[in-house]
Amino acid sequence: MTGCPPPNNYVPEPGAASFAPLSPLDQIANDYVLLTLTMGEQEEGYVDAYYGPKIWQDLAKKDDRGLVYLGNAIVELMERLDGLPTSDDPLVEARKRFLSAQLEAAHTRHMMISGETLPFAVEAKGLFGVTPEFAPLDSYDAALATIETLVPGEGPLHERAEAYQEKFTIPTERLKPVFDAAIAECKRRTAEHITLPLDENFRMEFVTGKSWSGYNYYQGNYQSLIQINTDLPIRISRAVDLGCHEGYPGHHVYNMLLEQRLTNERGWQEFSVYPLYSPQSFIAEGSANYGIDLAFPGEERLAFERDVLYPLARLDPSTAADYFKLQQALSELKGARFVIAQAYLDKTITKDEALALIQKYQLVSRERAEQSLSFNDQYRSYVINYGLGQDMVKAWVERQGDGPVWRWKAMEKLLSEPMLPDDLVE
């Protein structure tokens, strides 16, 4: 295979990823893949997906030269990339900018793996290419006041909101049919606008013991493993959320289009590996969240949930409209999550203070607040990709045109080209 190193090559030496003649940019891209895989040997979870040659994984596993060598290798790749001449092809230039941003993220993550702790904003900029700016927590008090009118009664608002939402829990024995139906509809709506590979598919599992609610493990060859966490009761609103986010037009479609159009059709091997802590995740999470509203605009989601999912879950369809209204109001609080995460990770508030604030501003139980904080402990500034990423993707897509056809075309471009957060800025 072109670009696959012979077994006796040692990585990630410059150019070591190739034995057939390659362009300097292709050589850098291949070395970047090997470097990323070797970084993944230093930190579990660093590599979110890989579907390139197995021999590259084997070579990475054998590389025992340590973090100092890896740090130097990252800088060397940056310098080689900066030394390339300018191309007349805008897509090639986008490819170079993508690689540069991914290497900057690798450099930042290397510092963190080596033991350095960065301020939240500095970490977010280094890893994901954006500097987050958040509104103060009290700016969300108006949204809390609105929700007060939707769940009146005695006691703390978060307890009332939690108790009300518990009525919309999907019974355990109904989880699979509900999620099967939700994902099928997400796929149907996406396939109306984006041509999907004929042999694409996914496998779904229900798991426990995770800090997240859902995860897509892309397997390559247009296949995914979608895991749904059942540690806490799953409410009916999460079926469409996770079906779109993890599946269609979210992570599954994003990874498939990159594999199909960039790795397979163009031979750009750097897209065969996905380092989790990189600007690629900003695009992935932001587009996956925005994809929910793109696939189910206006009250189309309410109609589908009421007419299809509620009966499958053995819930009363007549209650769907009120619950949908509450979900819309709760979405106004999403930004509070990131303000609390920054304060907690920068150690300006304690763990107990963070838990109390999460309960107040996310309107969740102590148990759900602890799961949220556990996610922050594990993934740190990654949380910005969900909210800020969604806002920036939404703004960019909707600037491309008012009609659904133009928004879907923009979404397809976003999911299938080397896009960065900077590309979303007007």
Protein backbone atom coordinates (compact mmCIF):
# COMPACT_ATOMS: atom_id res chain seq x y z
CA MET A 1 0.00 0.00 0.00
CA THR A 2 1.37 3.43 -0.90
CA GLY A 3 2.37 5.28 2.23
CA CYS A 4 2.69 2.15 4.38
CA PRO A 5 6.19 1.74 5.87
CA PRO A 6 8.16 -1.49 5.62
CA PRO A 7 8.17 -3.45 8.90
CA ASN A 8 11.79 -2.59 9.75
CA ASN A 9 11.20 1.19 9.67
CA TYR A 10 11.39 2.93 13.02
CA VAL A 11 8.97 5.74 13.78
CA PRO A 12 8.38 8.61 13.86
CA GLU A 13 11.65 9.48 12.09
CA PRO A 14 11.15 12.12 9.34
CA GLY A 15 9.82 10.41 6.25
CA ALA A 16 9.77 7.00 7.93
CA ALA A 17 6.12 6.42 7.06
CA SER A 18 6.75 5.87 3.36
CA PHE A 19 8.51 3.50 1.08
CA ALA A 20 6.91 4.65 -2.19
CA PRO A 21 7.65 8.15 -3.55
CA LEU A 22 5.46 10.66 -1.74
CA SER A 23 5.15 14.41 -1.82
CA PRO A 24 6.73 16.26 1.13
CA LEU A 25 3.23 17.05 2.42
CA ASP A 26 2.19 13.38 2.23
CA GLN A 27 5.36 12.40 4.08
CA ILE A 28 4.56 14.90 6.83
CA ALA A 29 0.99 13.61 6.99
CA ASN A 30 2.13 10.02 7.37
CA ASP A 31 4.66 10.96 10.03
CA TYR A 32 1.88 12.84 11.82
CA VAL A 33 -0.22 9.65 11.89
CA LEU A 34 2.65 7.66 13.39
CA LEU A 35 3.38 10.43 15.87
CA THR A 36 -0.27 10.53 16.95
CA LEU A 37 -0.37 6.77 17.42
CA THR A 38 2.82 6.94 19.48
CA MET A 39 1.30 9.71 21.62
CA GLY A 40 -1.64 7.38 22.11
CA GLU A 41 0.71 4.87 23.69
CA GLN A 42 1.55 7.51 26.31
CA GLU A 43 -2.05 8.41 27.17
CA GLU A 44 -5.04 6.09 27.09
CA GLY A 45 -7.89 7.65 25.13
CA TYR A 46 -5.71 10.13 23.25
CA VAL A 47 -6.48 8.37 19.96
CA ASP A 48 -10.24 8.34 19.53
CA ALA A 49 -10.26 6.45 16.22
CA TYR A 50 -7.79 4.87 13.82
CA TYR A 51 -8.44 2.81 10.68
CA GLY A 52 -5.13 3.01 8.83
CA PRO A 53 -2.53 0.28 8.28
CA LYS A 54 -2.14 -2.01 11.29
CA ILE A 55 1.61 -2.03 10.84
CA TRP A 56 1.69 1.64 11.86
CA GLN A 57 -0.02 0.73 15.14
CA ASP A 58 2.50 -2.04 15.68
CA LEU A 59 5.42 0.31 15.07
CA ALA A 60 3.95 2.87 17.50
CA LYS A 61 3.61 0.23 20.20
CA LYS A 62 7.30 -0.66 19.82
CA ASP A 63 8.49 2.96 20.09
CA ASP A 64 9.89 3.34 23.61
CA ARG A 65 11.82 6.59 23.23
CA GLY A 66 9.56 8.50 25.61
CA LEU A 67 8.00 11.93 25.99
CA VAL A 68 11.12 14.03 25.43
CA TYR A 69 11.62 12.49 22.01
CA LEU A 70 7.94 12.96 21.16
CA GLY A 71 8.07 16.64 22.08
CA ASN A 72 11.02 17.17 19.76
CA ALA A 73 9.29 15.19 17.00
CA ILE A 74 6.20 17.42 17.22
CA VAL A 75 8.29 20.58 16.85
CA GLU A 76 10.24 19.06 13.95
CA LEU A 77 7.02 18.22 12.10
CA MET A 78 5.78 21.78 12.66
CA GLU A 79 8.98 23.17 11.15
CA ARG A 80 8.78 20.86 8.14
CA LEU A 81 5.18 21.86 7.55
CA ASP A 82 5.97 25.58 7.83
CA GLY A 83 8.73 25.14 5.25
CA LEU A 84 6.43 23.88 2.48
CA PRO A 85 5.69 26.21 -0.48
CA THR A 86 2.23 27.71 -0.92
CA SER A 87 -0.14 25.71 -3.11
CA ASP A 88 -2.55 27.09 -5.70
CA ASP A 89 -5.15 24.54 -4.52
CA PRO A 90 -7.27 26.01 -1.67
CA LEU A 91 -8.07 22.52 -0.40
CA VAL A 92 -4.36 21.68 -0.13
CA GLU A 93 -3.81 24.89 1.82
CA ALA A 94 -6.73 23.92 4.07
CA ARG A 95 -5.04 20.56 4.56
CA LYS A 96 -1.81 22.24 5.64
CA ARG A 97 -3.64 24.52 8.06
CA PHE A 98 -5.48 21.52 9.49
CA LEU A 99 -2.23 19.64 10.08
CA SER A 100 -0.65 22.72 11.65
CA ALA A 101 -3.56 23.13 14.07
CA GLN A 102 -3.54 19.42 14.95
CA LEU A 103 0.19 19.57 15.69
CA GLU A 104 -0.27 22.65 17.87
CA ALA A 105 -2.86 20.67 19.84
CA ALA A 106 -0.46 17.72 20.09
CA HIS A 107 2.20 20.07 21.45
CA THR A 108 -0.22 21.36 24.11
CA ARG A 109 -1.35 17.87 25.07
CA HIS A 110 2.28 16.76 25.26
CA MET A 111 2.86 19.50 27.84
CA MET A 112 -0.11 18.24 29.85
CA ILE A 113 0.93 14.59 29.65
CA SER A 114 4.37 15.69 30.84
CA GLY A 115 2.81 17.12 33.99
CA GLU A 116 2.07 20.77 33.23
CA THR A 117 -1.29 22.20 34.34
CA LEU A 118 -2.58 25.08 32.20
CA PRO A 119 -5.30 27.63 32.95
CA PHE A 120 -8.63 26.57 31.45
CA ALA A 121 -8.66 29.24 28.70
CA VAL A 122 -5.02 28.60 27.73
CA GLU A 123 -5.63 24.85 27.61
CA ALA A 124 -8.76 25.28 25.49
CA LYS A 125 -6.95 27.52 23.01
CA GLY A 126 -4.01 25.15 22.74
CA LEU A 127 -6.05 21.98 22.34
CA PHE A 128 -9.11 23.12 20.43
CA GLY A 129 -8.10 26.37 18.75
CA VAL A 130 -10.54 28.72 20.47
CA THR A 131 -10.41 31.00 23.49
CA PRO A 132 -13.70 30.63 25.39
CA GLU A 133 -15.44 33.68 26.81
CA PHE A 134 -18.35 32.99 29.12
CA ALA A 135 -21.18 35.10 30.49
CA PRO A 136 -21.37 35.32 34.30
CA LEU A 137 -23.50 32.72 36.07
CA ASP A 138 -26.09 35.24 37.20
CA SER A 139 -26.92 35.91 33.55
CA TYR A 140 -28.75 32.56 33.64
CA ASP A 141 -31.06 33.63 36.46
CA ALA A 142 -33.70 34.81 33.97
CA ALA A 143 -33.84 31.32 32.46
CA LEU A 144 -34.27 29.87 35.95
CA ALA A 145 -37.16 32.26 36.53
CA THR A 146 -38.87 31.03 33.36
CA ILE A 147 -38.46 27.41 34.41
CA GLU A 148 -39.95 28.28 37.83
CA THR A 149 -43.23 28.93 36.01
CA LEU A 150 -43.09 25.56 34.21
CA VAL A 151 -42.53 23.43 37.32
CA PRO A 152 -44.28 25.30 40.15
CA GLY A 153 -44.40 23.97 43.68
CA GLU A 154 -42.49 23.84 46.95
CA GLY A 155 -38.82 23.06 47.51
CA PRO A 156 -35.65 23.84 45.52
CA LEU A 157 -36.17 24.29 41.80
CA HIS A 158 -33.65 21.61 40.86
CA GLU A 159 -35.54 19.04 42.91
CA ARG A 160 -38.86 19.98 41.31
CA ALA A 161 -37.39 19.93 37.80
CA GLU A 162 -35.72 16.59 38.44
CA ALA A 163 -38.89 15.04 39.88
CA TYR A 164 -40.95 16.28 36.92
CA GLN A 165 -38.48 14.90 34.38
CA GLU A 166 -38.39 11.51 36.06
CA LYS A 167 -41.90 10.99 34.71
CA PHE A 168 -40.41 10.86 31.23
CA THR A 169 -37.89 8.09 31.90
CA ILE A 170 -37.74 5.35 29.27
CA PRO A 171 -38.36 1.97 30.95
CA THR A 172 -35.26 -0.22 30.75
CA GLU A 173 -36.98 -2.88 28.67
CA ARG A 174 -38.07 -0.22 26.15
CA LEU A 175 -34.65 1.40 25.63
CA LYS A 176 -33.66 -0.61 22.57
CA PRO A 177 -36.85 -0.15 20.53
CA VAL A 178 -36.95 3.56 21.37
CA PHE A 179 -33.32 4.13 20.40
CA ASP A 180 -33.64 1.95 17.30
CA ALA A 181 -36.56 4.07 16.12
CA ALA A 182 -34.86 7.37 16.96
CA ILE A 183 -31.61 6.51 15.18
CA ALA A 184 -33.50 5.18 12.15
CA GLU A 185 -35.36 8.47 11.82
CA CYS A 186 -32.16 10.49 12.28
CA LYS A 187 -30.61 8.41 9.49
CA ARG A 188 -33.62 8.77 7.20
CA ARG A 189 -33.63 12.55 7.52
CA THR A 190 -29.87 12.79 6.99
CA ALA A 191 -29.91 10.48 3.95
CA GLU A 192 -32.43 12.78 2.26
CA HIS A 193 -29.67 15.40 2.00
CA ILE A 194 -26.29 13.61 2.22
CA THR A 195 -25.40 10.54 0.16
CA LEU A 196 -24.11 7.94 2.61
CA PRO A 197 -21.80 5.03 1.71
CA LEU A 198 -23.91 2.03 0.71
CA ASP A 199 -22.29 -0.35 3.20
CA GLU A 200 -22.26 2.00 6.20
CA ASN A 201 -23.66 0.72 9.48
CA PHE A 202 -23.32 0.89 13.25
CA ARG A 203 -23.67 -1.39 16.25
CA MET A 204 -25.31 -0.14 19.46
CA GLU A 205 -24.52 -1.23 23.02
CA PHE A 206 -25.87 -0.21 26.42
CA VAL A 207 -23.05 0.17 28.97
CA THR A 208 -22.40 1.35 32.53
CA GLY A 209 -19.59 2.93 34.51
CA LYS A 210 -18.96 5.94 32.23
CA SER A 211 -18.73 9.70 32.80
CA TRP A 212 -20.53 10.40 29.50
CA SER A 213 -24.05 9.63 28.30
CA GLY A 214 -23.13 8.41 24.83
CA TYR A 215 -20.02 7.69 22.75
CA ASN A 216 -19.27 6.83 19.14
CA TYR A 217 -16.25 4.60 18.54
CA TYR A 218 -15.59 4.82 14.82
CA GLN A 219 -14.22 1.52 13.48
CA GLY A 220 -13.32 2.43 9.90
CA ASN A 221 -14.86 1.01 6.71
CA TYR A 222 -17.94 3.14 7.46
CA GLN A 223 -18.76 1.23 10.65
CA SER A 224 -19.29 2.59 14.19
CA LEU A 225 -19.87 1.26 17.67
CA ILE A 226 -22.34 3.51 19.51
CA GLN A 227 -22.46 3.07 23.28
CA ILE A 228 -25.26 4.45 25.47
CA ASN A 229 -24.56 4.81 29.21
CA THR A 230 -27.36 3.53 31.47
CA ASP A 231 -25.83 4.46 34.83
CA LEU A 232 -28.67 6.96 35.29
CA PRO A 233 -32.27 6.72 34.05
CA ILE A 234 -32.55 7.84 30.40
CA ARG A 235 -35.31 10.26 29.53
CA ILE A 236 -37.27 10.31 26.31
CA SER A 237 -35.60 13.54 25.14
CA ARG A 238 -32.21 11.81 24.99
CA ALA A 239 -33.21 9.36 22.24
CA VAL A 240 -33.22 11.92 19.42
CA ASP A 241 -30.32 13.82 21.02
CA LEU A 242 -28.05 10.80 21.07
CA GLY A 243 -29.35 9.37 17.79
CA CYS A 244 -28.37 12.53 15.93
CA HIS A 245 -25.26 13.36 17.95
CA GLU A 246 -23.60 9.94 17.92
CA GLY A 247 -25.09 8.80 14.62
CA TYR A 248 -26.76 10.88 11.92
CA PRO A 249 -25.71 13.56 10.99
CA GLY A 250 -23.27 13.51 13.92
CA HIS A 251 -20.10 11.56 14.66
CA HIS A 252 -20.85 8.51 12.52
CA VAL A 253 -21.47 10.60 9.40
CA TYR A 254 -18.56 12.96 10.12
CA ASN A 255 -16.05 10.13 10.38
CA MET A 256 -17.49 8.31 7.37
CA LEU A 257 -17.28 11.34 5.09
CA LEU A 258 -13.70 12.08 6.14
CA GLU A 259 -12.73 8.46 5.45
CA GLN A 260 -14.57 8.32 2.14
CA ARG A 261 -13.63 11.67 0.65
CA LEU A 262 -10.26 12.49 2.15
CA THR A 263 -8.56 9.24 3.19
CA ASN A 264 -9.89 6.91 0.48
CA GLU A 265 -10.43 9.25 -2.47
CA ARG A 266 -7.48 11.61 -1.91
CA GLY A 267 -5.12 9.37 0.03
CA TRP A 268 -4.76 11.88 2.87
CA GLN A 269 -3.70 9.50 5.61
CA GLU A 270 -3.84 12.07 8.41
CA PHE A 271 -7.62 11.67 8.46
CA SER A 272 -7.29 7.97 9.26
CA VAL A 273 -6.42 8.93 12.84
CA TYR A 274 -8.45 11.11 15.18
CA PRO A 275 -6.69 12.54 18.26
CA LEU A 276 -9.41 13.40 20.76
CA TYR A 277 -7.72 16.51 22.15
CA SER A 278 -7.57 18.55 18.96
CA PRO A 279 -9.51 21.16 16.94
CA GLN A 280 -11.09 18.22 15.10
CA SER A 281 -13.16 17.60 18.24
CA PHE A 282 -14.44 21.17 18.22
CA ILE A 283 -15.85 20.60 14.74
CA ALA A 284 -17.05 17.08 15.61
CA GLU A 285 -18.93 17.98 18.79
CA GLY A 286 -20.24 21.31 17.52
CA SER A 287 -21.62 19.79 14.32
CA ALA A 288 -23.06 16.79 16.17
CA ASN A 289 -24.99 19.06 18.53
CA TYR A 290 -26.16 21.40 15.78
CA GLY A 291 -27.17 18.38 13.71
CA ILE A 292 -30.03 17.68 16.12
CA ASP A 293 -31.83 20.93 15.25
CA LEU A 294 -30.85 20.64 11.58
CA ALA A 295 -32.48 17.21 11.31
CA PHE A 296 -35.51 18.12 13.45
CA PRO A 297 -36.26 21.83 12.89
CA GLY A 298 -39.00 23.66 14.76
CA GLU A 299 -41.63 21.37 16.21
CA GLU A 300 -40.84 18.43 13.92
CA ARG A 301 -39.01 16.85 16.81
CA LEU A 302 -42.02 17.23 19.11
CA ALA A 303 -44.26 15.59 16.52
CA PHE A 304 -41.91 12.63 16.02
CA GLU A 305 -41.38 12.08 19.73
CA ARG A 306 -45.10 12.37 20.52
CA ASP A 307 -46.33 10.17 17.66
CA VAL A 308 -43.56 7.54 17.55
CA LEU A 309 -41.26 7.49 20.57
CA TYR A 310 -43.77 8.09 23.37
CA PRO A 311 -45.93 5.08 22.37
CA LEU A 312 -42.81 2.92 22.03
CA ALA A 313 -41.70 3.96 25.52
CA ARG A 314 -45.19 3.41 26.93
CA LEU A 315 -45.38 7.10 27.91
CA ASP A 316 -48.45 9.34 27.59
CA PRO A 317 -48.23 11.29 24.29
CA SER A 318 -50.54 13.98 25.67
CA THR A 319 -47.71 15.10 27.99
CA ALA A 320 -45.16 15.52 25.18
CA ALA A 321 -45.83 19.20 24.45
CA ASP A 322 -45.30 20.33 28.05
CA TYR A 323 -42.09 18.31 28.36
CA PHE A 324 -40.84 19.68 25.03
CA LYS A 325 -41.45 23.20 26.29
CA LEU A 326 -39.43 22.48 29.42
CA GLN A 327 -36.57 21.05 27.33
CA GLN A 328 -36.45 24.23 25.28
CA ALA A 329 -36.27 26.31 28.45
CA LEU A 330 -33.55 24.08 29.92
CA SER A 331 -31.44 24.54 26.78
CA GLU A 332 -31.05 28.21 27.75
CA LEU A 333 -28.95 27.03 30.71
CA LYS A 334 -26.39 25.06 28.68
CA GLY A 335 -23.74 27.77 28.90
CA ALA A 336 -23.75 27.67 32.70
CA ARG A 337 -22.10 24.25 32.53
CA PHE A 338 -18.97 25.71 30.99
CA VAL A 339 -18.71 28.63 33.42
CA ILE A 340 -18.81 26.20 36.34
CA ALA A 341 -16.30 23.87 34.64
CA GLN A 342 -13.81 26.70 34.16
CA ALA A 343 -14.11 27.86 37.78
CA TYR A 344 -13.76 24.32 39.08
CA LEU A 345 -10.78 23.38 36.92
CA ASP A 346 -9.04 26.70 37.63
CA LYS A 347 -9.63 25.94 41.33
CA THR A 348 -11.49 29.16 42.10
CA ILE A 349 -14.33 27.06 43.56
CA THR A 350 -14.24 23.82 45.52
CA LYS A 351 -15.71 20.49 44.47
CA ASP A 352 -18.68 20.94 46.81
CA GLU A 353 -19.29 24.45 45.49
CA ALA A 354 -19.15 23.15 41.93
CA LEU A 355 -21.66 20.39 42.71
CA ALA A 356 -24.04 22.89 44.30
CA LEU A 357 -23.77 25.23 41.31
CA ILE A 358 -24.34 22.40 38.84
CA GLN A 359 -27.49 21.40 40.71
CA LYS A 360 -28.71 25.00 40.74
CA TYR A 361 -27.89 25.99 37.16
CA GLN A 362 -28.28 22.64 35.40
CA LEU A 363 -31.32 21.66 37.49
CA VAL A 364 -30.14 18.14 38.17
CA SER A 365 -29.89 15.79 41.13
CA ARG A 366 -26.72 15.40 43.18
CA GLU A 367 -26.07 12.11 41.37
CA ARG A 368 -26.26 13.71 37.94
CA ALA A 369 -24.13 16.63 39.14
CA GLU A 370 -21.45 14.18 40.28
CA GLN A 371 -21.46 12.50 36.85
CA SER A 372 -21.08 15.92 35.19
CA LEU A 373 -18.17 16.80 37.45
CA SER A 374 -16.59 13.42 36.78
CA PHE A 375 -16.65 14.28 33.07
CA ASN A 376 -14.86 17.56 33.85
CA ASP A 377 -12.22 15.73 35.85
CA GLN A 378 -11.59 13.30 33.01
CA TYR A 379 -11.84 15.56 29.94
CA ARG A 380 -11.21 19.05 31.40
CA SER A 381 -11.64 21.87 28.85
CA TYR A 382 -13.12 19.45 26.28
CA VAL A 383 -16.54 20.57 27.53
CA ILE A 384 -16.35 23.80 25.49
CA ASN A 385 -16.70 21.81 22.27
CA TYR A 386 -20.35 21.08 22.98
CA GLY A 387 -21.70 24.57 23.63
CA LEU A 388 -19.28 26.96 21.95
CA GLY A 389 -18.78 24.47 19.14
CA GLN A 390 -22.53 24.22 18.54
CA ASP A 391 -22.96 28.01 18.57
CA MET A 392 -20.14 28.60 16.08
CA VAL A 393 -21.22 25.78 13.76
CA LYS A 394 -24.82 27.02 13.83
CA ALA A 395 -23.77 30.58 13.00
CA TRP A 396 -21.52 29.46 10.13
CA VAL A 397 -24.00 27.00 8.59
CA GLU A 398 -26.89 29.43 8.76
CA ARG A 399 -24.83 32.18 7.12
CA GLN A 400 -24.55 29.94 4.06
CA GLY A 401 -28.27 30.19 3.30
CA ASP A 402 -31.77 30.34 4.77
CA GLY A 403 -33.34 27.28 3.19
CA PRO A 404 -32.84 23.72 4.46
CA VAL A 405 -31.14 22.64 1.23
CA TRP A 406 -28.38 25.24 1.65
CA ARG A 407 -27.89 24.45 5.31
CA TRP A 408 -27.55 20.75 4.59
CA LYS A 409 -25.05 21.50 1.80
CA ALA A 410 -23.05 23.63 4.23
CA MET A 411 -23.21 20.85 6.82
CA GLU A 412 -21.94 18.33 4.27
CA LYS A 413 -19.01 20.60 3.41
CA LEU A 414 -18.20 21.04 7.09
CA LEU A 415 -18.21 17.27 7.65
CA SER A 416 -16.14 16.32 4.61
CA GLU A 417 -13.36 18.92 4.33
CA PRO A 418 -10.39 19.94 6.54
CA MET A 419 -12.35 22.53 8.54
CA LEU A 420 -11.06 24.34 11.64
CA PRO A 421 -12.71 26.59 14.24
CA ASP A 422 -11.09 29.62 12.56
CA ASP A 423 -12.96 28.75 9.36
CA LEU A 424 -16.25 29.26 11.18
CA VAL A 425 -15.52 32.87 12.05
CA GLU A 426 -17.29 35.43 9.89
